PDB file of N, CA and C in Angstrom:
ATOM      1  N   MET A   1       1.030  -0.982  -0.171  1.00  0.00           N
ATOM      2  CA  MET A   1       0.051   0.150  -0.286  1.00  0.00           C
ATOM      3  C   MET A   1       0.759   1.304  -0.037  1.00  0.00           C
ATOM      4  N   HIS A   2       1.864   1.086   0.527  1.00  0.00           N
ATOM      5  CA  HIS A   2       3.131   1.829   0.670  1.00  0.00           C
ATOM      6  C   HIS A   2       3.601   2.552  -0.431  1.00  0.00           C
ATOM      7  N   ASP A   3       3.279   1.673  -1.254  1.00  0.00           N
ATOM      8  CA  ASP A   3       4.218   1.757  -2.946  1.00  0.00           C
ATOM      9  C   ASP A   3       3.036   2.071  -3.942  1.00  0.00           C
ATOM     10  N   ALA A   4       2.002   2.828  -3.387  1.00  0.00           N
ATOM     11  CA  ALA A   4       0.811   3.053  -4.075  1.00  0.00           C
ATOM     12  C   ALA A   4       1.426   4.407  -5.111  1.00  0.00           C
ATOM     13  N   ARG A   5       0.722   4.539  -6.418  1.00  0.00           N
ATOM     14  CA  ARG A   5       1.308   5.600  -6.981  1.00  0.00           C
ATOM     15  C   ARG A   5       0.064   6.891  -6.461  1.00  0.00           C
ATOM     16  N   TYR A   6       0.803   8.264  -6.567  1.00  0.00           N
ATOM     17  CA  TYR A   6       0.223   9.252  -6.198  1.00  0.00           C
ATOM     18  C   TYR A   6      -1.032   9.844  -7.345  1.00  0.00           C
ATOM     19  N   GLU A   7      -0.152   9.340  -8.783  1.00  0.00           N
ATOM     20  CA  GLU A   7      -0.897  10.022  -9.756  1.00  0.00           C
ATOM     21  C   GLU A   7      -2.603   8.927 -10.070  1.00  0.00           C
ATOM     22  N   VAL A   8      -3.009   8.210  -9.376  1.00  0.00           N
ATOM     23  CA  VAL A   8      -3.950   7.159  -8.796  1.00  0.00           C
ATOM     24  C   VAL A   8      -4.795   8.386  -8.414  1.00  0.00           C
ATOM     25  N   GLN A   9      -6.264   8.574  -9.193  1.00  0.00           N
ATOM     26  CA  GLN A   9      -6.927   9.856  -9.418  1.00  0.00           C
ATOM     27  C   GLN A   9      -8.208   9.465  -8.663  1.00  0.00           C
ATOM     28  N   THR A  10      -8.389   9.648  -7.428  1.00  0.00           N
ATOM     29  CA  THR A  10      -9.658   8.921  -6.618  1.00  0.00           C
ATOM     30  C   THR A  10     -10.109  10.209  -5.346  1.00  0.00           C
ATOM     31  N   ARG A  11     -11.191   9.846  -5.221  1.00  0.00           N
ATOM     32  CA  ARG A  11     -11.598  10.979  -4.853  1.00  0.00           C
ATOM     33  C   ARG A  11     -11.210  11.618  -3.191  1.00  0.00           C
ATOM     34  N   TYR A  12     -10.201  10.739  -2.917  1.00  0.00           N
ATOM     35  CA  TYR A  12      -9.278  11.154  -1.460  1.00  0.00           C
ATOM     36  C   TYR A  12      -7.816  10.989  -1.824  1.00  0.00           C
ATOM     37  N   GLY A  13      -7.638  10.712  -2.920  1.00  0.00           N
ATOM     38  CA  GLY A  13      -6.225  10.145  -2.995  1.00  0.00           C
ATOM     39  C   GLY A  13      -5.107  10.954  -2.854  1.00  0.00           C
ATOM     40  N   VAL A  14      -5.011  12.509  -3.087  1.00  0.00           N
ATOM     41  CA  VAL A  14      -4.338  13.189  -2.852  1.00  0.00           C
ATOM     42  C   VAL A  14      -4.238  13.182  -1.163  1.00  0.00           C
ATOM     43  N   GLU A  15      -5.443  13.472  -0.580  1.00  0.00           N
ATOM     44  CA  GLU A  15      -5.511  13.589   0.944  1.00  0.00           C
ATOM     45  C   GLU A  15      -4.480  11.883   1.604  1.00  0.00           C
ATOM     46  N   ILE A  16      -5.154  10.605   1.039  1.00  0.00           N
ATOM     47  CA  ILE A  16      -4.582   9.726   1.701  1.00  0.00           C
ATOM     48  C   ILE A  16      -3.024   9.820   1.299  1.00  0.00           C
ATOM     49  N   ALA A  17      -2.744  10.137   0.059  1.00  0.00           N
ATOM     50  CA  ALA A  17      -1.053   9.479  -0.051  1.00  0.00           C
ATOM     51  C   ALA A  17      -0.542  10.943   1.106  1.00  0.00           C
ATOM     52  N   ILE A  18      -0.506  11.890   1.196  1.00  0.00           N
ATOM     53  CA  ILE A  18      -0.042  12.861   1.879  1.00  0.00           C
ATOM     54  C   ILE A  18      -0.345  11.972   3.590  1.00  0.00           C
ATOM     55  N   MET A  19      -1.667  11.167   3.820  1.00  0.00           N
ATOM     56  CA  MET A  19      -1.631  11.218   5.277  1.00  0.00           C
ATOM     57  C   MET A  19      -0.794   9.896   5.467  1.00  0.00           C
ATOM     58  N   GLN A  20      -0.253   8.727   4.304  1.00  0.00           N
ATOM     59  CA  GLN A  20       0.433   8.049   4.495  1.00  0.00           C
ATOM     60  C   GLN A  20       1.954   8.542   4.173  1.00  0.00           C
ATOM     61  N   GLU A  21       2.398   9.642   3.798  1.00  0.00           N
ATOM     62  CA  GLU A  21       3.519   9.968   3.635  1.00  0.00           C
ATOM     63  C   GLU A  21       4.238  10.392   5.095  1.00  0.00           C
ATOM     64  N   MET A  22       3.033  10.680   5.576  1.00  0.00           N
ATOM     65  CA  MET A  22       3.504  11.889   6.748  1.00  0.00           C
ATOM     66  C   MET A  22       3.154  11.086   8.084  1.00  0.00           C
ATOM     67  N   ASN A  23       2.861   9.815   7.847  1.00  0.00           N
ATOM     68  CA  ASN A  23       2.269   9.291   9.011  1.00  0.00           C
ATOM     69  C   ASN A  23       1.182   9.698   9.828  1.00  0.00           C
ATOM     70  N   TRP A  24       0.245  10.783   9.357  1.00  0.00           N
ATOM     71  CA  TRP A  24      -0.975  11.409   9.917  1.00  0.00           C
ATOM     72  C   TRP A  24      -1.838  11.058   9.902  1.00  0.00           C
ATOM     73  N   SER A  25      -2.868  11.133  10.905  1.00  0.00           N
ATOM     74  CA  SER A  25      -4.472  10.852  10.923  1.00  0.00           C
ATOM     75  C   SER A  25      -4.998  11.973  10.029  1.00  0.00           C
ATOM     76  N   TYR A  26      -6.548  11.912  10.143  1.00  0.00           N
ATOM     77  CA  TYR A  26      -7.071  12.711   9.010  1.00  0.00           C
ATOM     78  C   TYR A  26      -6.961  13.909  10.167  1.00  0.00           C
ATOM     79  N   ALA A  27      -6.983  14.273  11.453  1.00  0.00           N
ATOM     80  CA  ALA A  27      -7.614  15.532  11.798  1.00  0.00           C
ATOM     81  C   ALA A  27      -5.786  16.085  12.033  1.00  0.00           C
ATOM     82  N   ASP A  28      -5.047  15.190  11.694  1.00  0.00           N
ATOM     83  CA  ASP A  28      -3.661  15.953  11.859  1.00  0.00           C
ATOM     84  C   ASP A  28      -3.754  17.178  10.239  1.00  0.00           C
ATOM     85  N   LEU A  29      -4.252  15.807   9.376  1.00  0.00           N
ATOM     86  CA  LEU A  29      -3.997  16.362   7.542  1.00  0.00           C
ATOM     87  C   LEU A  29      -4.868  18.111   7.823  1.00  0.00           C
ATOM     88  N   MET A  30      -6.309  17.594   8.498  1.00  0.00           N
ATOM     89  CA  MET A  30      -7.365  19.211   8.317  1.00  0.00           C
ATOM     90  C   MET A  30      -6.176  20.391   9.645  1.00  0.00           C
ATOM     91  N   ALA A  31      -5.738  19.650  10.397  1.00  0.00           N
ATOM     92  CA  ALA A  31      -4.889  20.895  11.200  1.00  0.00           C
ATOM     93  C   ALA A  31      -3.939  21.565  10.648  1.00  0.00           C
ATOM     94  N   THR A  32      -3.220  21.195   9.709  1.00  0.00           N
ATOM     95  CA  THR A  32      -1.931  21.434   8.944  1.00  0.00           C
ATOM     96  C   THR A  32      -2.227  22.993   7.980  1.00  0.00           C
ATOM     97  N   PRO A  33      -1.834  23.763   8.393  1.00  0.00           N
ATOM     98  CA  PRO A  33      -2.124  25.086   7.295  1.00  0.00           C
ATOM     99  C   PRO A  33      -1.691  24.272   5.773  1.00  0.00           C
ATOM    100  N   MET A  34      -2.811  24.891   4.845  1.00  0.00           N
ATOM    101  CA  MET A  34      -3.027  24.770   3.137  1.00  0.00           C
ATOM    102  C   MET A  34      -1.534  24.370   2.510  1.00  0.00           C
ATOM    103  N   GLU A  35      -1.118  25.666   3.027  1.00  0.00           N
ATOM    104  CA  GLU A  35       0.378  25.814   2.234  1.00  0.00           C
ATOM    105  C   GLU A  35       1.373  24.583   2.167  1.00  0.00           C
ATOM    106  N   LEU A  36       1.377  24.161   3.635  1.00  0.00           N
ATOM    107  CA  LEU A  36       2.122  23.134   3.911  1.00  0.00           C
ATOM    108  C   LEU A  36       1.942  21.705   3.308  1.00  0.00           C
ATOM    109  N   VAL A  37       0.694  21.639   3.345  1.00  0.00           N
ATOM    110  CA  VAL A  37       0.245  20.274   2.683  1.00  0.00           C
ATOM    111  C   VAL A  37       0.530  20.227   1.072  1.00  0.00           C
ATOM    112  N   GLU A  38       0.190  21.890   0.615  1.00  0.00           N
ATOM    113  CA  GLU A  38       0.370  21.845  -0.905  1.00  0.00           C
ATOM    114  C   GLU A  38       1.902  21.458  -1.240  1.00  0.00           C
ATOM    115  N   GLU A  39       3.011  22.117   0.010  1.00  0.00           N
ATOM    116  CA  GLU A  39       4.261  21.891  -0.369  1.00  0.00           C
ATOM    117  C   GLU A  39       5.049  20.590   0.027  1.00  0.00           C
ATOM    118  N   ALA A  40       3.657  19.770   0.428  1.00  0.00           N
ATOM    119  CA  ALA A  40       4.134  18.236   1.048  1.00  0.00           C
ATOM    120  C   ALA A  40       3.977  17.439  -0.371  1.00  0.00           C
ATOM    121  N   MET A  41       2.415  18.177  -1.050  1.00  0.00           N
ATOM    122  CA  MET A  41       2.457  17.058  -2.772  1.00  0.00           C
ATOM    123  C   MET A  41       3.373  17.707  -3.286  1.00  0.00           C
ATOM    124  N   GLU A  42       4.080  18.831  -3.491  1.00  0.00           N
ATOM    125  CA  GLU A  42       4.519  19.311  -4.674  1.00  0.00           C
ATOM    126  C   GLU A  42       6.103  18.317  -4.523  1.00  0.00           C
ATOM    127  N   ARG A  43       6.188  17.833  -3.529  1.00  0.00           N
ATOM    128  CA  ARG A  43       7.418  17.062  -3.051  1.00  0.00           C
ATOM    129  C   ARG A  43       7.387  15.712  -3.595  1.00  0.00           C
ATOM    130  N   MET A  44       6.419  15.243  -3.198  1.00  0.00           N
ATOM    131  CA  MET A  44       5.852  13.957  -3.131  1.00  0.00           C
ATOM    132  C   MET A  44       5.754  13.386  -5.235  1.00  0.00           C
ATOM    133  N   THR A  45       5.302  14.499  -5.559  1.00  0.00           N
ATOM    134  CA  THR A  45       5.497  14.395  -6.626  1.00  0.00           C
ATOM    135  C   THR A  45       6.647  14.179  -7.520  1.00  0.00           C
ATOM    136  N   ALA A  46       7.246  15.508  -6.821  1.00  0.00           N
ATOM    137  CA  ALA A  46       8.640  15.677  -8.103  1.00  0.00           C
ATOM    138  C   ALA A  46       9.528  14.617  -7.816  1.00  0.00           C
ATOM    139  N   ARG A  47       9.455  14.221  -5.905  1.00  0.00           N
ATOM    140  CA  ARG A  47      10.173  12.489  -5.641  1.00  0.00           C
ATOM    141  C   ARG A  47       9.544  11.491  -6.792  1.00  0.00           C
ATOM    142  N   GLN A  48       8.493  11.671  -7.007  1.00  0.00           N
ATOM    143  CA  GLN A  48       7.939  10.440  -7.920  1.00  0.00           C
ATOM    144  C   GLN A  48       8.253  10.697  -9.066  1.00  0.00           C
ATOM    145  N   ARG A  49       8.392  11.645  -9.626  1.00  0.00           N
ATOM    146  CA  ARG A  49       8.665  12.092 -11.368  1.00  0.00           C
ATOM    147  C   ARG A  49      10.369  11.570 -11.669  1.00  0.00           C
ATOM    148  N   TRP A  50      11.168  12.384 -10.538  1.00  0.00           N
ATOM    149  CA  TRP A  50      12.869  11.785 -10.640  1.00  0.00           C
ATOM    150  C   TRP A  50      12.753  10.367 -10.359  1.00  0.00           C
ATOM    151  N   GLU A  51      12.127   9.269  -9.907  1.00  0.00           N
ATOM    152  CA  GLU A  51      12.256   8.043  -9.236  1.00  0.00           C
ATOM    153  C   GLU A  51      12.044   7.226 -11.159  1.00  0.00           C
ATOM    154  N   ARG A  52      10.236   7.792 -11.594  1.00  0.00           N
ATOM    155  CA  ARG A  52      10.367   7.225 -12.539  1.00  0.00           C
ATOM    156  C   ARG A  52      11.399   7.637 -13.791  1.00  0.00           C
ATOM    157  N   GLU A  53      11.582   8.634 -13.929  1.00  0.00           N
ATOM    158  CA  GLU A  53      13.094   8.634 -15.014  1.00  0.00           C
ATOM    159  C   GLU A  53      14.310   7.772 -14.555  1.00  0.00           C
ATOM    160  N   ARG A  54      14.461   8.138 -13.497  1.00  0.00           N
ATOM    161  CA  ARG A  54      15.675   7.065 -13.417  1.00  0.00           C
ATOM    162  C   ARG A  54      15.658   5.824 -13.090  1.00  0.00           C
ATOM    163  N   ARG A  55      14.413   5.190 -12.865  1.00  0.00           N
ATOM    164  CA  ARG A  55      14.035   4.297 -13.195  1.00  0.00           C
ATOM    165  C   ARG A  55      14.270   3.219 -14.795  1.00  0.00           C
ATOM    166  N   LYS A  56      13.351   4.694 -15.745  1.00  0.00           N
ATOM    167  CA  LYS A  56      13.380   4.339 -17.250  1.00  0.00           C
ATOM    168  C   LYS A  56      15.313   4.734 -17.713  1.00  0.00           C
ATOM    169  N   ARG A  57      15.765   5.305 -16.778  1.00  0.00           N
ATOM    170  CA  ARG A  57      17.219   5.673 -17.483  1.00  0.00           C
ATOM    171  C   ARG A  57      17.754   4.130 -16.884  1.00  0.00           C
ATOM    172  N   ASP A  58      17.683   3.522 -15.966  1.00  0.00           N
ATOM    173  CA  ASP A  58      18.261   2.169 -15.422  1.00  0.00           C
ATOM    174  C   ASP A  58      17.934   1.093 -16.618  1.00  0.00           C
ATOM    175  N   GLU A  59      16.784   1.237 -16.764  1.00  0.00           N
ATOM    176  CA  GLU A  59      15.854  -0.171 -17.908  1.00  0.00           C
ATOM    177  C   GLU A  59      16.770  -0.213 -18.851  1.00  0.00           C
ATOM    178  N   ALA A  60      17.137   1.185 -19.723  1.00  0.00           N
ATOM    179  CA  ALA A  60      17.986   1.670 -20.726  1.00  0.00           C
ATOM    180  C   ALA A  60      19.118   1.173 -20.590  1.00  0.00           C
ATOM    181  N   ARG A  61      20.327   1.917 -19.664  1.00  0.00           N
ATOM    182  CA  ARG A  61      21.480   1.294 -19.626  1.00  0.00           C
ATOM    183  C   ARG A  61      21.113  -0.529 -19.418  1.00  0.00           C
ATOM    184  N   SER A  62      20.434  -0.952 -19.029  1.00  0.00           N
ATOM    185  CA  SER A  62      20.328  -2.714 -18.895  1.00  0.00           C
ATOM    186  C   SER A  62      20.200  -2.937 -20.218  1.00  0.00           C
ATOM    187  N   ARG A  63      19.310  -2.866 -21.121  1.00  0.00           N
ATOM    188  CA  ARG A  63      18.844  -2.906 -22.580  1.00  0.00           C
ATOM    189  C   ARG A  63      20.402  -2.565 -22.958  1.00  0.00           C
ATOM    190  N   ASN A  64      21.052  -1.646 -23.059  1.00  0.00           N
ATOM    191  CA  ASN A  64      22.065  -1.458 -23.858  1.00  0.00           C
ATOM    192  C   ASN A  64      23.563  -2.283 -23.326  1.00  0.00           C
ATOM    193  N   LYS A  65      23.629  -3.010 -22.240  1.00  0.00           N
ATOM    194  CA  LYS A  65      24.590  -3.840 -21.634  1.00  0.00           C
ATOM    195  C   LYS A  65      24.419  -4.979 -22.581  1.00  0.00           C
ATOM    196  N   ARG A  66      23.238  -5.365 -22.530  1.00  0.00           N
ATOM    197  CA  ARG A  66      22.887  -6.952 -23.112  1.00  0.00           C
ATOM    198  C   ARG A  66      24.390  -6.919 -24.459  1.00  0.00           C
TER     199      ARG A  66
END
């Protein structure tokens, strides 16, 4: 479950992803300033994008070594 991808669009997908990432309850999430929540989501999205790019690069290198 912690390996779930953030781009999965569900009704509360963003909120659930942030709660999992930060180990927060829903009450914690609601008590957090929106600017902080947005920053956390931005960083999570950027990390995911770079991990995807790294995975593509590693797969290409693996194919080229054969």
